[in-house]
PDB file of N, CA and C in Angstrom:
ATOM      1  N   UNK A   1     -13.941  30.576  -7.596  1.00  0.00           N
ATOM      2  CA  UNK A   1     -14.118  29.524  -7.791  1.00  0.00           C
ATOM      3  C   UNK A   1     -12.804  28.738  -8.487  1.00  0.00           C
ATOM      4  N   UNK A   2     -12.136  27.796  -7.680  1.00  0.00           N
ATOM      5  CA  UNK A   2     -10.926  27.176  -8.577  1.00  0.00           C
ATOM      6  C   UNK A   2     -11.104  25.363  -8.686  1.00  0.00           C
ATOM      7  N   UNK A   3     -10.930  25.392  -9.920  1.00  0.00           N
ATOM      8  CA  UNK A   3     -11.091  23.962 -10.092  1.00  0.00           C
ATOM      9  C   UNK A   3      -9.212  23.188  -9.754  1.00  0.00           C
ATOM     10  N   UNK A   4      -9.747  22.446  -9.151  1.00  0.00           N
ATOM     11  CA  UNK A   4      -8.219  21.526  -8.652  1.00  0.00           C
ATOM     12  C   UNK A   4      -8.141  20.061  -9.029  1.00  0.00           C
ATOM     13  N   UNK A   5      -7.305  19.713  -9.202  1.00  0.00           N
ATOM     14  CA  UNK A   5      -7.002  18.133  -9.513  1.00  0.00           C
ATOM     15  C   UNK A   5      -5.609  17.807  -8.470  1.00  0.00           C
ATOM     16  N   UNK A   6      -6.075  16.959  -7.389  1.00  0.00           N
ATOM     17  CA  UNK A   6      -5.319  16.495  -6.441  1.00  0.00           C
ATOM     18  C   UNK A   6      -4.564  15.261  -6.783  1.00  0.00           C
ATOM     19  N   UNK A   7      -2.875  15.323  -6.772  1.00  0.00           N
ATOM     20  CA  UNK A   7      -2.270  13.999  -6.924  1.00  0.00           C
ATOM     21  C   UNK A   7      -1.503  13.834  -5.442  1.00  0.00           C
ATOM     22  N   UNK A   8      -2.554  13.011  -4.686  1.00  0.00           N
ATOM     23  CA  UNK A   8      -1.556  12.472  -3.416  1.00  0.00           C
ATOM     24  C   UNK A   8      -0.312  11.817  -3.525  1.00  0.00           C
ATOM     25  N   UNK A   9      -0.020  11.531  -2.315  1.00  0.00           N
ATOM     26  CA  UNK A   9       1.226  10.811  -2.248  1.00  0.00           C
ATOM     27  C   UNK A   9       2.700  10.944  -3.510  1.00  0.00           C
ATOM     28  N   UNK A  10       2.564  12.329  -3.564  1.00  0.00           N
ATOM     29  CA  UNK A  10       3.435  12.837  -4.558  1.00  0.00           C
ATOM     30  C   UNK A  10       5.367  12.850  -3.563  1.00  0.00           C
ATOM     31  N   UNK A  11       5.908  12.732  -4.540  1.00  0.00           N
ATOM     32  CA  UNK A  11       7.409  12.577  -4.052  1.00  0.00           C
ATOM     33  C   UNK A  11       7.612  13.994  -3.434  1.00  0.00           C
ATOM     34  N   UNK A  12       7.174  15.320  -3.844  1.00  0.00           N
ATOM     35  CA  UNK A  12       7.167  16.550  -3.425  1.00  0.00           C
ATOM     36  C   UNK A  12       5.945  17.197  -3.799  1.00  0.00           C
ATOM     37  N   UNK A  13       5.691  18.127  -2.818  1.00  0.00           N
ATOM     38  CA  UNK A  13       4.590  19.060  -2.784  1.00  0.00           C
ATOM     39  C   UNK A  13       4.683  20.384  -3.962  1.00  0.00           C
ATOM     40  N   UNK A  14       3.897  20.481  -4.792  1.00  0.00           N
ATOM     41  CA  UNK A  14       4.193  21.444  -6.167  1.00  0.00           C
ATOM     42  C   UNK A  14       2.773  21.509  -6.649  1.00  0.00           C
ATOM     43  N   UNK A  15       2.852  22.923  -7.209  1.00  0.00           N
ATOM     44  CA  UNK A  15       1.611  22.716  -8.315  1.00  0.00           C
ATOM     45  C   UNK A  15       2.250  22.559  -9.279  1.00  0.00           C
ATOM     46  N   UNK A  16       1.324  21.723 -10.578  1.00  0.00           N
ATOM     47  CA  UNK A  16       1.738  20.692 -11.710  1.00  0.00           C
ATOM     48  C   UNK A  16       1.212  21.596 -12.856  1.00  0.00           C
ATOM     49  N   UNK A  17       0.933  22.596 -12.980  1.00  0.00           N
ATOM     50  CA  UNK A  17       0.387  23.233 -13.934  1.00  0.00           C
ATOM     51  C   UNK A  17      -1.140  23.256 -14.135  1.00  0.00           C
ATOM     52  N   UNK A  18      -1.856  22.829 -15.405  1.00  0.00           N
ATOM     53  CA  UNK A  18      -2.950  22.780 -15.689  1.00  0.00           C
ATOM     54  C   UNK A  18      -3.399  21.635 -16.480  1.00  0.00           C
ATOM     55  N   UNK A  19      -4.267  21.067 -16.120  1.00  0.00           N
ATOM     56  CA  UNK A  19      -4.784  19.902 -17.110  1.00  0.00           C
ATOM     57  C   UNK A  19      -6.447  19.858 -17.044  1.00  0.00           C
ATOM     58  N   UNK A  20      -6.840  20.081 -18.277  1.00  0.00           N
ATOM     59  CA  UNK A  20      -8.549  19.993 -18.881  1.00  0.00           C
ATOM     60  C   UNK A  20      -9.047  21.201 -17.610  1.00  0.00           C
ATOM     61  N   UNK A  21      -8.352  22.193 -17.546  1.00  0.00           N
ATOM     62  CA  UNK A  21      -9.341  23.412 -16.892  1.00  0.00           C
ATOM     63  C   UNK A  21      -8.895  23.435 -15.696  1.00  0.00           C
ATOM     64  N   UNK A  22      -8.025  22.125 -14.720  1.00  0.00           N
ATOM     65  CA  UNK A  22      -7.899  22.132 -13.201  1.00  0.00           C
ATOM     66  C   UNK A  22      -6.758  22.212 -13.030  1.00  0.00           C
ATOM     67  N   UNK A  23      -6.348  23.311 -11.942  1.00  0.00           N
ATOM     68  CA  UNK A  23      -5.100  23.213 -11.187  1.00  0.00           C
ATOM     69  C   UNK A  23      -4.727  21.824 -10.819  1.00  0.00           C
ATOM     70  N   UNK A  24      -3.564  21.558 -11.622  1.00  0.00           N
ATOM     71  CA  UNK A  24      -3.033  20.690 -10.721  1.00  0.00           C
ATOM     72  C   UNK A  24      -1.956  20.516  -9.731  1.00  0.00           C
ATOM     73  N   UNK A  25      -2.319  19.831  -8.490  1.00  0.00           N
ATOM     74  CA  UNK A  25      -1.658  20.092  -7.253  1.00  0.00           C
ATOM     75  C   UNK A  25      -0.872  18.667  -6.656  1.00  0.00           C
ATOM     76  N   UNK A  26       0.502  18.522  -6.572  1.00  0.00           N
ATOM     77  CA  UNK A  26       0.895  17.372  -6.039  1.00  0.00           C
ATOM     78  C   UNK A  26       1.097  17.648  -4.773  1.00  0.00           C
ATOM     79  N   UNK A  27       0.409  16.515  -4.119  1.00  0.00           N
ATOM     80  CA  UNK A  27       0.772  16.743  -2.315  1.00  0.00           C
ATOM     81  C   UNK A  27       1.505  14.982  -1.840  1.00  0.00           C
ATOM     82  N   UNK A  28       2.264  15.626  -1.133  1.00  0.00           N
ATOM     83  CA  UNK A  28       3.186  14.054  -0.523  1.00  0.00           C
ATOM     84  C   UNK A  28       1.876  13.537   0.511  1.00  0.00           C
ATOM     85  N   UNK A  29       0.767  14.266   1.319  1.00  0.00           N
ATOM     86  CA  UNK A  29       0.031  13.517   2.001  1.00  0.00           C
ATOM     87  C   UNK A  29      -0.531  12.158   1.171  1.00  0.00           C
ATOM     88  N   UNK A  30      -1.216  11.199   2.074  1.00  0.00           N
ATOM     89  CA  UNK A  30      -1.927  10.421   1.806  1.00  0.00           C
ATOM     90  C   UNK A  30      -3.259  10.639   1.276  1.00  0.00           C
ATOM     91  N   UNK A  31      -4.187  10.111   1.183  1.00  0.00           N
ATOM     92  CA  UNK A  31      -5.906  10.163   1.206  1.00  0.00           C
ATOM     93  C   UNK A  31      -6.751   9.367   1.633  1.00  0.00           C
ATOM     94  N   UNK A  32      -6.044   9.853   3.069  1.00  0.00           N
ATOM     95  CA  UNK A  32      -6.752   8.918   3.996  1.00  0.00           C
ATOM     96  C   UNK A  32      -7.208   9.938   5.115  1.00  0.00           C
ATOM     97  N   UNK A  33      -8.316   9.770   5.492  1.00  0.00           N
ATOM     98  CA  UNK A  33      -8.879  10.627   6.837  1.00  0.00           C
ATOM     99  C   UNK A  33      -8.535  12.141   6.670  1.00  0.00           C
ATOM    100  N   UNK A  34      -8.675  12.778   5.463  1.00  0.00           N
ATOM    101  CA  UNK A  34      -8.510  14.074   5.459  1.00  0.00           C
ATOM    102  C   UNK A  34      -7.021  14.765   5.172  1.00  0.00           C
ATOM    103  N   UNK A  35      -6.107  14.002   5.071  1.00  0.00           N
ATOM    104  CA  UNK A  35      -5.029  14.269   5.254  1.00  0.00           C
ATOM    105  C   UNK A  35      -4.594  15.140   4.137  1.00  0.00           C
ATOM    106  N   UNK A  36      -4.908  14.875   3.177  1.00  0.00           N
ATOM    107  CA  UNK A  36      -4.840  15.619   1.570  1.00  0.00           C
ATOM    108  C   UNK A  36      -5.273  16.836   1.565  1.00  0.00           C
ATOM    109  N   UNK A  37      -6.671  16.637   2.319  1.00  0.00           N
ATOM    110  CA  UNK A  37      -7.510  17.818   2.156  1.00  0.00           C
ATOM    111  C   UNK A  37      -6.321  18.896   3.020  1.00  0.00           C
ATOM    112  N   UNK A  38      -6.068  18.625   4.170  1.00  0.00           N
ATOM    113  CA  UNK A  38      -5.412  19.428   4.906  1.00  0.00           C
ATOM    114  C   UNK A  38      -4.131  19.869   3.930  1.00  0.00           C
ATOM    115  N   UNK A  39      -3.236  19.286   3.672  1.00  0.00           N
ATOM    116  CA  UNK A  39      -2.102  19.478   2.718  1.00  0.00           C
ATOM    117  C   UNK A  39      -2.264  20.532   1.932  1.00  0.00           C
ATOM    118  N   UNK A  40      -3.737  20.062   0.843  1.00  0.00           N
ATOM    119  CA  UNK A  40      -3.799  20.854   0.124  1.00  0.00           C
ATOM    120  C   UNK A  40      -4.183  22.902   0.400  1.00  0.00           C
ATOM    121  N   UNK A  41      -4.982  22.872   1.701  1.00  0.00           N
ATOM    122  CA  UNK A  41      -5.403  23.755   2.471  1.00  0.00           C
ATOM    123  C   UNK A  41      -4.090  24.440   2.732  1.00  0.00           C
ATOM    124  N   UNK A  42      -3.039  24.049   3.351  1.00  0.00           N
ATOM    125  CA  UNK A  42      -2.055  24.983   3.646  1.00  0.00           C
ATOM    126  C   UNK A  42      -1.255  24.865   2.629  1.00  0.00           C
ATOM    127  N   UNK A  43      -0.873  24.195   1.306  1.00  0.00           N
ATOM    128  CA  UNK A  43       0.163  24.451   0.114  1.00  0.00           C
ATOM    129  C   UNK A  43      -0.451  25.758  -0.813  1.00  0.00           C
ATOM    130  N   UNK A  44      -1.960  25.922  -0.690  1.00  0.00           N
ATOM    131  CA  UNK A  44      -2.763  26.691  -1.331  1.00  0.00           C
ATOM    132  C   UNK A  44      -2.723  28.009  -0.706  1.00  0.00           C
ATOM    133  N   UNK A  45      -2.914  27.877   0.571  1.00  0.00           N
ATOM    134  CA  UNK A  45      -2.574  29.303   1.393  1.00  0.00           C
ATOM    135  C   UNK A  45      -1.433  29.420   1.710  1.00  0.00           C
ATOM    136  N   UNK A  46      -0.393  28.751   1.631  1.00  0.00           N
ATOM    137  CA  UNK A  46       1.382  29.135   1.571  1.00  0.00           C
ATOM    138  C   UNK A  46       1.620  29.998   0.032  1.00  0.00           C
ATOM    139  N   UNK A  47       1.270  29.492  -1.084  1.00  0.00           N
ATOM    140  CA  UNK A  47       1.266  30.267  -2.143  1.00  0.00           C
ATOM    141  C   UNK A  47       0.224  31.672  -2.701  1.00  0.00           C
ATOM    142  N   UNK A  48      -0.805  31.562  -2.161  1.00  0.00           N
ATOM    143  CA  UNK A  48      -1.832  32.566  -2.082  1.00  0.00           C
ATOM    144  C   UNK A  48      -1.479  33.869  -1.311  1.00  0.00           C
ATOM    145  N   UNK A  49      -0.904  33.590  -0.394  1.00  0.00           N
ATOM    146  CA  UNK A  49      -0.406  34.074   0.851  1.00  0.00           C
ATOM    147  C   UNK A  49      -1.528  34.535   2.023  1.00  0.00           C
ATOM    148  N   UNK A  50      -2.826  33.268   2.301  1.00  0.00           N
ATOM    149  CA  UNK A  50      -3.783  33.964   2.952  1.00  0.00           C
ATOM    150  C   UNK A  50      -3.190  32.506   4.223  1.00  0.00           C
ATOM    151  N   UNK A  51      -4.185  32.551   5.452  1.00  0.00           N
ATOM    152  CA  UNK A  51      -4.496  31.244   6.323  1.00  0.00           C
ATOM    153  C   UNK A  51      -4.852  29.997   5.103  1.00  0.00           C
ATOM    154  N   UNK A  52      -4.430  28.883   5.688  1.00  0.00           N
ATOM    155  CA  UNK A  52      -5.062  27.699   5.282  1.00  0.00           C
ATOM    156  C   UNK A  52      -6.721  27.973   5.477  1.00  0.00           C
ATOM    157  N   UNK A  53      -7.000  28.574   6.679  1.00  0.00           N
ATOM    158  CA  UNK A  53      -8.455  28.184   7.106  1.00  0.00           C
ATOM    159  C   UNK A  53      -9.200  29.147   5.969  1.00  0.00           C
ATOM    160  N   UNK A  54      -8.603  30.203   5.394  1.00  0.00           N
ATOM    161  CA  UNK A  54      -9.124  30.685   3.862  1.00  0.00           C
ATOM    162  C   UNK A  54      -9.484  29.978   2.862  1.00  0.00           C
ATOM    163  N   UNK A  55      -8.877  28.745   2.544  1.00  0.00           N
ATOM    164  CA  UNK A  55      -9.427  27.754   1.815  1.00  0.00           C
ATOM    165  C   UNK A  55     -10.380  26.964   2.081  1.00  0.00           C
ATOM    166  N   UNK A  56     -11.219  26.824   1.308  1.00  0.00           N
ATOM    167  CA  UNK A  56     -12.368  26.007   1.845  1.00  0.00           C
ATOM    168  C   UNK A  56     -13.023  25.325   0.444  1.00  0.00           C
ATOM    169  N   UNK A  57     -13.157  23.813   0.575  1.00  0.00           N
ATOM    170  CA  UNK A  57     -13.014  22.803  -0.117  1.00  0.00           C
ATOM    171  C   UNK A  57     -14.907  22.982  -0.464  1.00  0.00           C
ATOM    172  N   UNK A  58     -15.124  23.161  -1.840  1.00  0.00           N
ATOM    173  CA  UNK A  58     -16.432  23.435  -1.966  1.00  0.00           C
ATOM    174  C   UNK A  58     -17.173  21.929  -2.403  1.00  0.00           C
ATOM    175  N   UNK A  59     -16.731  21.253  -3.007  1.00  0.00           N
ATOM    176  CA  UNK A  59     -17.191  20.185  -3.786  1.00  0.00           C
ATOM    177  C   UNK A  59     -15.718  19.042  -3.894  1.00  0.00           C
ATOM    178  N   UNK A  60     -16.088  18.013  -4.022  1.00  0.00           N
ATOM    179  CA  UNK A  60     -14.999  16.913  -4.417  1.00  0.00           C
ATOM    180  C   UNK A  60     -14.586  16.620  -3.009  1.00  0.00           C
ATOM    181  N   UNK A  61     -14.618  16.806  -1.725  1.00  0.00           N
ATOM    182  CA  UNK A  61     -13.795  16.729  -0.547  1.00  0.00           C
ATOM    183  C   UNK A  61     -13.078  15.062  -0.385  1.00  0.00           C
ATOM    184  N   UNK A  62     -13.952  14.136  -1.001  1.00  0.00           N
ATOM    185  CA  UNK A  62     -13.499  12.649  -0.841  1.00  0.00           C
ATOM    186  C   UNK A  62     -12.951  12.444  -2.550  1.00  0.00           C
ATOM    187  N   UNK A  63     -12.772  12.973  -3.379  1.00  0.00           N
ATOM    188  CA  UNK A  63     -12.253  12.615  -4.560  1.00  0.00           C
ATOM    189  C   UNK A  63     -10.815  13.752  -5.208  1.00  0.00           C
ATOM    190  N   UNK A  64     -10.329  13.144  -6.260  1.00  0.00           N
ATOM    191  CA  UNK A  64      -9.378  13.937  -6.638  1.00  0.00           C
ATOM    192  C   UNK A  64      -9.803  14.982  -7.270  1.00  0.00           C
ATOM    193  N   UNK A  65     -10.974  15.318  -7.786  1.00  0.00           N
ATOM    194  CA  UNK A  65     -11.227  16.617  -8.436  1.00  0.00           C
ATOM    195  C   UNK A  65     -12.049  17.124  -7.385  1.00  0.00           C
ATOM    196  N   UNK A  66     -11.191  18.462  -7.145  1.00  0.00           N
ATOM    197  CA  UNK A  66     -12.347  19.402  -6.222  1.00  0.00           C
ATOM    198  C   UNK A  66     -12.448  20.915  -6.845  1.00  0.00           C
ATOM    199  N   UNK A  67     -13.550  21.686  -6.460  1.00  0.00           N
ATOM    200  CA  UNK A  67     -13.747  22.830  -6.416  1.00  0.00           C
ATOM    201  C   UNK A  67     -13.511  23.333  -4.908  1.00  0.00           C
ATOM    202  N   UNK A  68     -12.883  24.854  -5.109  1.00  0.00           N
ATOM    203  CA  UNK A  68     -12.025  25.440  -3.915  1.00  0.00           C
ATOM    204  C   UNK A  68     -12.570  26.737  -4.084  1.00  0.00           C
ATOM    205  N   UNK A  69     -12.715  27.353  -3.331  1.00  0.00           N
ATOM    206  CA  UNK A  69     -13.001  28.741  -2.943  1.00  0.00           C
ATOM    207  C   UNK A  69     -12.003  29.314  -1.843  1.00  0.00           C
ATOM    208  N   UNK A  70     -11.394  30.297  -2.143  1.00  0.00           N
ATOM    209  CA  UNK A  70     -10.331  31.505  -1.383  1.00  0.00           C
ATOM    210  C   UNK A  70     -10.996  32.691  -0.952  1.00  0.00           C
ATOM    211  N   UNK A  71     -11.277  32.711  -0.055  1.00  0.00           N
ATOM    212  CA  UNK A  71     -11.234  34.066   0.989  1.00  0.00           C
ATOM    213  C   UNK A  71     -10.124  35.045   1.451  1.00  0.00           C
ATOM    214  N   UNK A  72     -10.220  36.166   1.115  1.00  0.00           N
ATOM    215  CA  UNK A  72      -8.890  37.025   1.496  1.00  0.00           C
ATOM    216  C   UNK A  72      -8.185  37.663   0.345  1.00  0.00           C
ATOM    217  N   UNK A  73      -8.584  37.381  -1.016  1.00  0.00           N
ATOM    218  CA  UNK A  73      -7.748  37.590  -1.914  1.00  0.00           C
ATOM    219  C   UNK A  73      -8.844  38.014  -3.254  1.00  0.00           C
ATOM    220  N   UNK A  74      -8.393  38.696  -3.836  1.00  0.00           N
ATOM    221  CA  UNK A  74      -8.771  38.824  -5.105  1.00  0.00           C
ATOM    222  C   UNK A  74      -8.787  37.746  -6.548  1.00  0.00           C
ATOM    223  N   UNK A  75      -9.413  37.836  -7.510  1.00  0.00           N
ATOM    224  CA  UNK A  75      -9.181  36.668  -8.797  1.00  0.00           C
ATOM    225  C   UNK A  75      -7.834  36.955  -9.124  1.00  0.00           C
ATOM    226  N   UNK A  76      -7.406  38.501  -9.431  1.00  0.00           N
ATOM    227  CA  UNK A  76      -6.650  39.207  -9.659  1.00  0.00           C
ATOM    228  C   UNK A  76      -4.891  38.333  -9.282  1.00  0.00           C
ATOM    229  N   UNK A  77      -5.043  38.806  -8.038  1.00  0.00           N
ATOM    230  CA  UNK A  77      -3.546  38.431  -7.149  1.00  0.00           C
ATOM    231  C   UNK A  77      -3.670  37.219  -7.394  1.00  0.00           C
ATOM    232  N   UNK A  78      -4.914  36.472  -6.932  1.00  0.00           N
ATOM    233  CA  UNK A  78      -4.840  34.704  -6.964  1.00  0.00           C
ATOM    234  C   UNK A  78      -4.040  34.151  -8.135  1.00  0.00           C
ATOM    235  N   UNK A  79      -4.540  34.835  -9.609  1.00  0.00           N
ATOM    236  CA  UNK A  79      -3.922  34.492 -10.803  1.00  0.00           C
ATOM    237  C   UNK A  79      -2.762  34.676 -11.004  1.00  0.00           C
ATOM    238  N   UNK A  80      -2.219  35.573 -10.523  1.00  0.00           N
ATOM    239  CA  UNK A  80      -0.690  36.388 -10.639  1.00  0.00           C
ATOM    240  C   UNK A  80      -0.193  35.404  -9.880  1.00  0.00           C
ATOM    241  N   UNK A  81      -0.476  35.261  -8.731  1.00  0.00           N
ATOM    242  CA  UNK A  81       0.540  34.576  -7.436  1.00  0.00           C
ATOM    243  C   UNK A  81       0.522  32.909  -8.214  1.00  0.00           C
ATOM    244  N   UNK A  82      -0.633  32.301  -8.589  1.00  0.00           N
ATOM    245  CA  UNK A  82      -0.718  30.862  -8.826  1.00  0.00           C
ATOM    246  C   UNK A  82       0.153  31.137 -10.434  1.00  0.00           C
ATOM    247  N   UNK A  83       0.389  32.000 -11.258  1.00  0.00           N
ATOM    248  CA  UNK A  83       0.942  31.852 -12.578  1.00  0.00           C
ATOM    249  C   UNK A  83       2.546  32.021 -11.893  1.00  0.00           C
ATOM    250  N   UNK A  84       2.857  32.831 -10.793  1.00  0.00           N
ATOM    251  CA  UNK A  84       4.254  33.059 -10.586  1.00  0.00           C
ATOM    252  C   UNK A  84       4.950  31.484 -10.340  1.00  0.00           C
ATOM    253  N   UNK A  85       4.076  30.855  -9.495  1.00  0.00           N
ATOM    254  CA  UNK A  85       4.816  29.813  -8.849  1.00  0.00           C
ATOM    255  C   UNK A  85       4.366  28.711 -10.225  1.00  0.00           C
ATOM    256  N   UNK A  86       4.162  28.740 -10.996  1.00  0.00           N
ATOM    257  CA  UNK A  86       4.095  27.579 -12.220  1.00  0.00           C
ATOM    258  C   UNK A  86       4.827  27.896 -13.145  1.00  0.00           C
ATOM    259  N   UNK A  87       5.526  29.334 -13.133  1.00  0.00           N
ATOM    260  CA  UNK A  87       6.207  29.854 -14.458  1.00  0.00           C
ATOM    261  C   UNK A  87       5.564  30.434 -15.333  1.00  0.00           C
ATOM    262  N   UNK A  88       4.591  30.778 -15.246  1.00  0.00           N
ATOM    263  CA  UNK A  88       3.274  31.769 -15.886  1.00  0.00           C
ATOM    264  C   UNK A  88       3.417  32.715 -15.796  1.00  0.00           C
TER     265      UNK A  88
END
């Protein structure tokens, strides 16, 4: 389970570190008609090396705070890949 805080309509897509225990994800997509959720799945899939369909929003689909599960990758590998992309 991964806690994510989404910032839609950002100037570029990127991981923005951590805030209050949640991964900050900046997305260029607007928060309408699921566009930001689809962009989130694409970005996390790309970063983690899994297909976007492996990224599932468990809760918070309509808000900025989300809980995500990712299949096809173990926790240690996910942390390593996320840390590398955030410079940590």
